[in-house]
């Protein structure tokens, strides 16, 4: 399951949740103020390649 980041529009709290992709935006509630005014944020992600550090080669 992917990890999603959210922000409450009412109290401004940021939080993360593990959710199925099909349920990413369904039935959300802020854990702080219990508001349903929650928006999903765009998240950055990272990847790791194989190979020697600094070699510039990935296998």
N, C-alpha and C. Protein backbone atom coordinates (compact mmCIF):
# COMPACT_ATOMS: atom_id res chain seq x y z
N UNK A 1 0.84 -1.18 0.00
CA UNK A 1 0.00 0.00 0.00
C UNK A 1 0.88 1.24 0.00
N UNK A 2 0.50 2.23 -0.78
CA UNK A 2 1.28 3.48 -0.80
C UNK A 2 1.00 4.37 0.42
N UNK A 3 1.98 5.18 0.73
CA UNK A 3 1.86 6.17 1.80
C UNK A 3 1.46 7.49 1.15
N UNK A 4 0.40 8.11 1.64
CA UNK A 4 -0.07 9.39 1.12
C UNK A 4 0.10 10.46 2.19
N UNK A 5 0.36 11.69 1.72
CA UNK A 5 0.47 12.83 2.61
C UNK A 5 -0.76 13.71 2.43
N UNK A 6 -1.26 14.23 3.55
CA UNK A 6 -2.47 15.04 3.54
C UNK A 6 -2.27 16.29 4.39
N UNK A 7 -3.13 17.29 4.14
CA UNK A 7 -3.16 18.50 4.97
C UNK A 7 -4.61 18.84 5.26
N UNK A 8 -4.88 19.14 6.50
CA UNK A 8 -6.22 19.55 6.91
C UNK A 8 -6.40 21.03 6.58
N UNK A 9 -7.45 21.36 5.86
CA UNK A 9 -7.72 22.76 5.50
C UNK A 9 -8.23 23.56 6.70
N UNK A 10 -8.77 22.88 7.67
CA UNK A 10 -9.34 23.58 8.83
C UNK A 10 -8.28 23.96 9.86
N UNK A 11 -7.47 22.99 10.30
CA UNK A 11 -6.48 23.28 11.36
C UNK A 11 -5.05 23.37 10.83
N UNK A 12 -4.82 22.96 9.57
CA UNK A 12 -3.49 23.08 8.97
C UNK A 12 -2.53 21.94 9.26
N UNK A 13 -2.98 20.92 9.97
CA UNK A 13 -2.09 19.80 10.31
C UNK A 13 -1.75 18.98 9.08
N UNK A 14 -0.48 18.57 8.99
CA UNK A 14 -0.02 17.65 7.96
C UNK A 14 0.06 16.25 8.57
N UNK A 15 -0.34 15.23 7.81
CA UNK A 15 -0.25 13.86 8.31
C UNK A 15 -0.12 12.89 7.14
N UNK A 16 0.30 11.68 7.44
CA UNK A 16 0.49 10.63 6.44
C UNK A 16 -0.40 9.44 6.77
N UNK A 17 -0.80 8.73 5.72
CA UNK A 17 -1.62 7.53 5.92
C UNK A 17 -1.26 6.49 4.86
N UNK A 18 -1.24 5.23 5.28
CA UNK A 18 -1.12 4.11 4.35
C UNK A 18 -2.53 3.76 3.88
N UNK A 19 -2.75 3.85 2.57
CA UNK A 19 -4.08 3.58 2.04
C UNK A 19 -3.98 2.90 0.69
N UNK A 20 -4.98 2.11 0.35
CA UNK A 20 -5.06 1.54 -0.98
C UNK A 20 -5.26 2.66 -1.98
N UNK A 21 -4.74 2.48 -3.19
CA UNK A 21 -4.85 3.52 -4.22
C UNK A 21 -6.31 3.89 -4.48
N UNK A 22 -7.19 2.91 -4.53
CA UNK A 22 -8.60 3.16 -4.81
C UNK A 22 -9.29 3.94 -3.69
N UNK A 23 -8.68 3.96 -2.50
CA UNK A 23 -9.28 4.64 -1.35
C UNK A 23 -8.49 5.88 -0.91
N UNK A 24 -7.58 6.34 -1.76
CA UNK A 24 -6.67 7.43 -1.39
C UNK A 24 -7.39 8.70 -0.95
N UNK A 25 -8.54 9.00 -1.56
CA UNK A 25 -9.25 10.23 -1.24
C UNK A 25 -10.62 10.01 -0.62
N UNK A 26 -10.92 8.81 -0.21
CA UNK A 26 -12.24 8.50 0.35
C UNK A 26 -12.25 8.54 1.87
N UNK A 27 -13.32 9.07 2.43
CA UNK A 27 -13.57 9.03 3.87
C UNK A 27 -12.38 9.47 4.71
N UNK A 28 -11.84 10.63 4.38
CA UNK A 28 -10.69 11.15 5.12
C UNK A 28 -11.15 12.02 6.27
N UNK A 29 -10.39 11.94 7.35
CA UNK A 29 -10.67 12.75 8.52
C UNK A 29 -9.35 13.14 9.17
N UNK A 30 -9.23 14.39 9.54
CA UNK A 30 -8.03 14.88 10.21
C UNK A 30 -7.91 14.21 11.58
N UNK A 31 -6.74 13.67 11.91
CA UNK A 31 -6.57 13.04 13.22
C UNK A 31 -6.54 14.05 14.38
N UNK A 32 -6.32 15.32 14.07
CA UNK A 32 -6.25 16.36 15.11
C UNK A 32 -7.64 16.92 15.45
N UNK A 33 -8.35 17.43 14.42
CA UNK A 33 -9.61 18.14 14.68
C UNK A 33 -10.84 17.39 14.17
N UNK A 34 -10.62 16.24 13.54
CA UNK A 34 -11.69 15.39 13.01
C UNK A 34 -12.47 16.01 11.85
N UNK A 35 -11.92 17.04 11.24
CA UNK A 35 -12.57 17.68 10.09
C UNK A 35 -12.45 16.78 8.86
N UNK A 36 -13.42 16.86 7.99
CA UNK A 36 -13.38 16.14 6.72
C UNK A 36 -12.81 16.99 5.60
N UNK A 37 -12.37 18.22 5.93
CA UNK A 37 -11.79 19.13 4.94
C UNK A 37 -10.30 18.83 4.79
N UNK A 38 -10.00 17.73 4.11
CA UNK A 38 -8.62 17.25 3.98
C UNK A 38 -8.25 17.20 2.50
N UNK A 39 -7.03 17.63 2.19
CA UNK A 39 -6.56 17.55 0.81
C UNK A 39 -5.31 16.69 0.73
N UNK A 40 -5.21 15.92 -0.35
CA UNK A 40 -4.02 15.09 -0.56
C UNK A 40 -2.95 15.97 -1.20
N UNK A 41 -1.71 15.80 -0.76
CA UNK A 41 -0.58 16.56 -1.27
C UNK A 41 0.21 15.73 -2.27
N UNK A 42 0.91 16.40 -3.16
CA UNK A 42 1.82 15.71 -4.06
C UNK A 42 3.09 15.42 -3.31
N UNK A 43 3.55 14.19 -3.39
CA UNK A 43 4.71 13.76 -2.62
C UNK A 43 5.88 13.47 -3.54
N UNK A 44 7.06 13.77 -3.06
CA UNK A 44 8.29 13.40 -3.77
C UNK A 44 8.66 11.97 -3.38
N UNK A 45 9.39 11.31 -4.22
CA UNK A 45 9.84 9.97 -3.89
C UNK A 45 11.28 9.81 -4.35
N UNK A 46 11.94 8.79 -3.84
CA UNK A 46 13.33 8.56 -4.23
C UNK A 46 13.48 7.11 -4.68
N UNK A 47 14.53 6.89 -5.45
CA UNK A 47 14.85 5.55 -5.91
C UNK A 47 16.33 5.29 -5.65
N UNK A 48 16.68 4.05 -5.61
CA UNK A 48 18.07 3.66 -5.39
C UNK A 48 18.45 2.72 -6.52
N UNK A 49 19.61 2.97 -7.11
CA UNK A 49 20.09 2.10 -8.19
C UNK A 49 21.18 1.18 -7.70
N UNK A 50 21.56 0.26 -8.54
CA UNK A 50 22.64 -0.68 -8.22
C UNK A 50 23.94 -0.14 -8.80
N UNK A 51 25.05 -0.63 -8.33
CA UNK A 51 26.34 -0.23 -8.86
C UNK A 51 27.20 0.40 -7.78
N UNK A 52 28.42 0.69 -8.14
CA UNK A 52 29.36 1.30 -7.20
C UNK A 52 29.09 2.78 -7.09
N UNK A 53 29.16 3.34 -5.89
CA UNK A 53 28.98 4.77 -5.74
C UNK A 53 30.02 5.54 -6.54
N UNK A 54 29.58 6.53 -7.27
CA UNK A 54 30.49 7.36 -8.04
C UNK A 54 30.93 6.76 -9.36
N UNK A 55 30.56 5.52 -9.66
CA UNK A 55 31.00 4.92 -10.91
C UNK A 55 30.18 5.40 -12.09
N UNK A 56 28.96 5.91 -11.82
CA UNK A 56 28.10 6.36 -12.91
C UNK A 56 27.46 5.21 -13.66
N UNK A 57 27.70 3.98 -13.20
CA UNK A 57 27.15 2.80 -13.88
C UNK A 57 26.05 2.19 -13.02
N UNK A 58 24.97 1.89 -13.66
CA UNK A 58 23.87 1.21 -12.98
C UNK A 58 23.60 -0.10 -13.71
N UNK A 59 23.38 -1.13 -12.95
CA UNK A 59 23.12 -2.44 -13.56
C UNK A 59 21.75 -2.92 -13.19
